[in-house]
Amino acid sequence: MDSSSGFSQMIILMIAMFVFFYFILYRPEKKRRQRMDEERSSMKKGDQVVAMGILGTVDTVKEKTVIVSMVDGAKIEFLKAAVTSVDPAGSTPSKK
């Protein structure tokens, strides 16, 4: 074995690792992020949301934030990025 065959095997292994990481880690995460961004952008008044573990109903949607009404009537303003789950008004809660 000479050094050029060892180098080519290393290159092939690195390419295989890149392909593995792309399809197993990066691509599914990118799709999940896109789906969550779509859910956040389609929020409207009355939707049930989970933001940082807090359950509530959307009261007002602003450009970068959302005001969420809690069970006791309190209202909290969250960044849209903090919303982790959106269940549209009138639908049954989904298990994600």
C-alpha atoms as a PDB file:
ATOM      1  CA  MET A   1       0.000   0.000   0.000  1.00  0.00           C
ATOM      2  CA  ASP A   2       1.305   3.395  -0.858  1.00  0.00           C
ATOM      3  CA  SER A   3       0.373   6.752   0.609  1.00  0.00           C
ATOM      4  CA  SER A   4      -1.900   7.717  -2.302  1.00  0.00           C
ATOM      5  CA  SER A   5      -4.287   4.799  -1.673  1.00  0.00           C
ATOM      6  CA  GLY A   6      -4.469   5.715   2.030  1.00  0.00           C
ATOM      7  CA  PHE A   7      -5.240   9.304   1.122  1.00  0.00           C
ATOM      8  CA  SER A   8      -7.999   8.292  -1.321  1.00  0.00           C
ATOM      9  CA  GLN A   9      -9.559   6.010   1.313  1.00  0.00           C
ATOM     10  CA  MET A  10      -9.528   8.899   3.769  1.00  0.00           C
ATOM     11  CA  ILE A  11     -11.227  11.185   1.223  1.00  0.00           C
ATOM     12  CA  ILE A  12     -13.899   8.548   0.516  1.00  0.00           C
ATOM     13  CA  LEU A  13     -14.492   8.099   4.254  1.00  0.00           C
ATOM     14  CA  MET A  14     -14.835  11.866   4.764  1.00  0.00           C
ATOM     15  CA  ILE A  15     -17.314  12.124   1.887  1.00  0.00           C
ATOM     16  CA  ALA A  16     -19.319   9.222   3.347  1.00  0.00           C
ATOM     17  CA  MET A  17     -19.358  10.964   6.756  1.00  0.00           C
ATOM     18  CA  PHE A  18     -20.524  14.216   5.150  1.00  0.00           C
ATOM     19  CA  VAL A  19     -23.377  12.425   3.333  1.00  0.00           C
ATOM     20  CA  PHE A  20     -24.342  10.594   6.553  1.00  0.00           C
ATOM     21  CA  PHE A  21     -24.475  13.785   8.613  1.00  0.00           C
ATOM     22  CA  TYR A  22     -26.410  15.623   5.907  1.00  0.00           C
ATOM     23  CA  PHE A  23     -29.171  13.008   5.561  1.00  0.00           C
ATOM     24  CA  ILE A  24     -29.348  11.905   9.201  1.00  0.00           C
ATOM     25  CA  LEU A  25     -28.891  15.192  11.061  1.00  0.00           C
ATOM     26  CA  TYR A  26     -29.014  18.375   8.973  1.00  0.00           C
ATOM     27  CA  ARG A  27     -31.818  17.688   6.486  1.00  0.00           C
ATOM     28  CA  PRO A  28     -34.468  16.450   8.988  1.00  0.00           C
ATOM     29  CA  GLU A  29     -33.684  19.347  11.331  1.00  0.00           C
ATOM     30  CA  LYS A  30     -34.023  21.831   8.468  1.00  0.00           C
ATOM     31  CA  LYS A  31     -37.431  20.370   7.520  1.00  0.00           C
ATOM     32  CA  ARG A  32     -38.578  20.508  11.161  1.00  0.00           C
ATOM     33  CA  ARG A  33     -37.488  24.161  11.430  1.00  0.00           C
ATOM     34  CA  GLN A  34     -39.308  25.080   8.202  1.00  0.00           C
ATOM     35  CA  ARG A  35     -42.513  23.351   9.373  1.00  0.00           C
ATOM     36  CA  MET A  36     -42.329  25.159  12.736  1.00  0.00           C
ATOM     37  CA  ASP A  37     -41.734  28.524  11.006  1.00  0.00           C
ATOM     38  CA  GLU A  38     -44.814  27.904   8.846  1.00  0.00           C
ATOM     39  CA  GLU A  39     -46.903  27.095  11.945  1.00  0.00           C
ATOM     40  CA  ARG A  40     -45.681  30.241  13.713  1.00  0.00           C
ATOM     41  CA  SER A  41     -46.413  32.455  10.715  1.00  0.00           C
ATOM     42  CA  SER A  42     -49.954  31.046  10.382  1.00  0.00           C
ATOM     43  CA  MET A  43     -50.913  31.674  14.042  1.00  0.00           C
ATOM     44  CA  LYS A  44     -54.144  33.555  14.538  1.00  0.00           C
ATOM     45  CA  LYS A  45     -56.387  34.600  17.416  1.00  0.00           C
ATOM     46  CA  GLY A  46     -57.910  31.610  19.195  1.00  0.00           C
ATOM     47  CA  ASP A  47     -55.164  29.095  18.377  1.00  0.00           C
ATOM     48  CA  GLN A  48     -53.871  26.988  21.257  1.00  0.00           C
ATOM     49  CA  VAL A  49     -50.104  27.325  21.707  1.00  0.00           C
ATOM     50  CA  VAL A  50     -47.304  26.081  23.907  1.00  0.00           C
ATOM     51  CA  ALA A  51     -44.594  28.649  24.541  1.00  0.00           C
ATOM     52  CA  MET A  52     -41.685  27.697  26.795  1.00  0.00           C
ATOM     53  CA  GLY A  53     -43.884  25.049  28.430  1.00  0.00           C
ATOM     54  CA  ILE A  54     -46.743  27.473  29.083  1.00  0.00           C
ATOM     55  CA  LEU A  55     -50.134  26.613  27.587  1.00  0.00           C
ATOM     56  CA  GLY A  56     -52.407  29.361  26.379  1.00  0.00           C
ATOM     57  CA  THR A  57     -54.637  30.800  23.695  1.00  0.00           C
ATOM     58  CA  VAL A  58     -53.424  33.365  21.165  1.00  0.00           C
ATOM     59  CA  ASP A  59     -54.978  36.745  21.898  1.00  0.00           C
ATOM     60  CA  THR A  60     -52.986  39.012  19.570  1.00  0.00           C
ATOM     61  CA  VAL A  61     -50.399  38.322  16.878  1.00  0.00           C
ATOM     62  CA  LYS A  62     -47.826  41.025  16.185  1.00  0.00           C
ATOM     63  CA  GLU A  63     -44.925  41.099  13.745  1.00  0.00           C
ATOM     64  CA  LYS A  64     -42.337  39.433  16.007  1.00  0.00           C
ATOM     65  CA  THR A  65     -44.343  38.623  19.133  1.00  0.00           C
ATOM     66  CA  VAL A  66     -47.581  36.976  20.167  1.00  0.00           C
ATOM     67  CA  ILE A  67     -49.736  37.768  23.200  1.00  0.00           C
ATOM     68  CA  VAL A  68     -51.000  34.589  24.857  1.00  0.00           C
ATOM     69  CA  SER A  69     -53.956  34.481  27.241  1.00  0.00           C
ATOM     70  CA  MET A  70     -53.681  32.021  30.137  1.00  0.00           C
ATOM     71  CA  VAL A  71     -56.473  30.087  31.865  1.00  0.00           C
ATOM     72  CA  ASP A  72     -56.776  32.649  34.670  1.00  0.00           C
ATOM     73  CA  GLY A  73     -57.049  35.525  32.187  1.00  0.00           C
ATOM     74  CA  ALA A  74     -53.465  36.730  32.528  1.00  0.00           C
ATOM     75  CA  LYS A  75     -51.755  37.700  29.290  1.00  0.00           C
ATOM     76  CA  ILE A  76     -48.089  37.188  28.473  1.00  0.00           C
ATOM     77  CA  GLU A  77     -46.211  38.441  25.428  1.00  0.00           C
ATOM     78  CA  PHE A  78     -43.771  35.949  23.870  1.00  0.00           C
ATOM     79  CA  LEU A  79     -41.424  36.107  20.928  1.00  0.00           C
ATOM     80  CA  LYS A  80     -42.834  33.991  18.112  1.00  0.00           C
ATOM     81  CA  ALA A  81     -39.601  31.959  18.196  1.00  0.00           C
ATOM     82  CA  ALA A  82     -40.472  30.812  21.741  1.00  0.00           C
ATOM     83  CA  VAL A  83     -43.653  29.075  20.537  1.00  0.00           C
ATOM     84  CA  THR A  84     -42.988  25.337  20.278  1.00  0.00           C
ATOM     85  CA  SER A  85     -46.439  24.055  19.320  1.00  0.00           C
ATOM     86  CA  VAL A  86     -49.482  25.511  17.552  1.00  0.00           C
ATOM     87  CA  ASP A  87     -52.906  23.848  17.496  1.00  0.00           C
ATOM     88  CA  PRO A  88     -55.338  25.765  15.279  1.00  0.00           C
ATOM     89  CA  ALA A  89     -58.608  26.925  16.823  1.00  0.00           C
ATOM     90  CA  GLY A  90     -61.384  24.343  16.614  1.00  0.00           C
ATOM     91  CA  SER A  91     -59.084  21.350  16.204  1.00  0.00           C
ATOM     92  CA  THR A  92     -58.304  18.628  18.687  1.00  0.00           C
ATOM     93  CA  PRO A  93     -54.864  18.872  20.289  1.00  0.00           C
ATOM     94  CA  SER A  94     -52.316  16.840  18.362  1.00  0.00           C
ATOM     95  CA  LYS A  95     -49.685  14.664  19.932  1.00  0.00           C
ATOM     96  CA  LYS A  96     -46.296  15.773  18.607  1.00  0.00           C
END
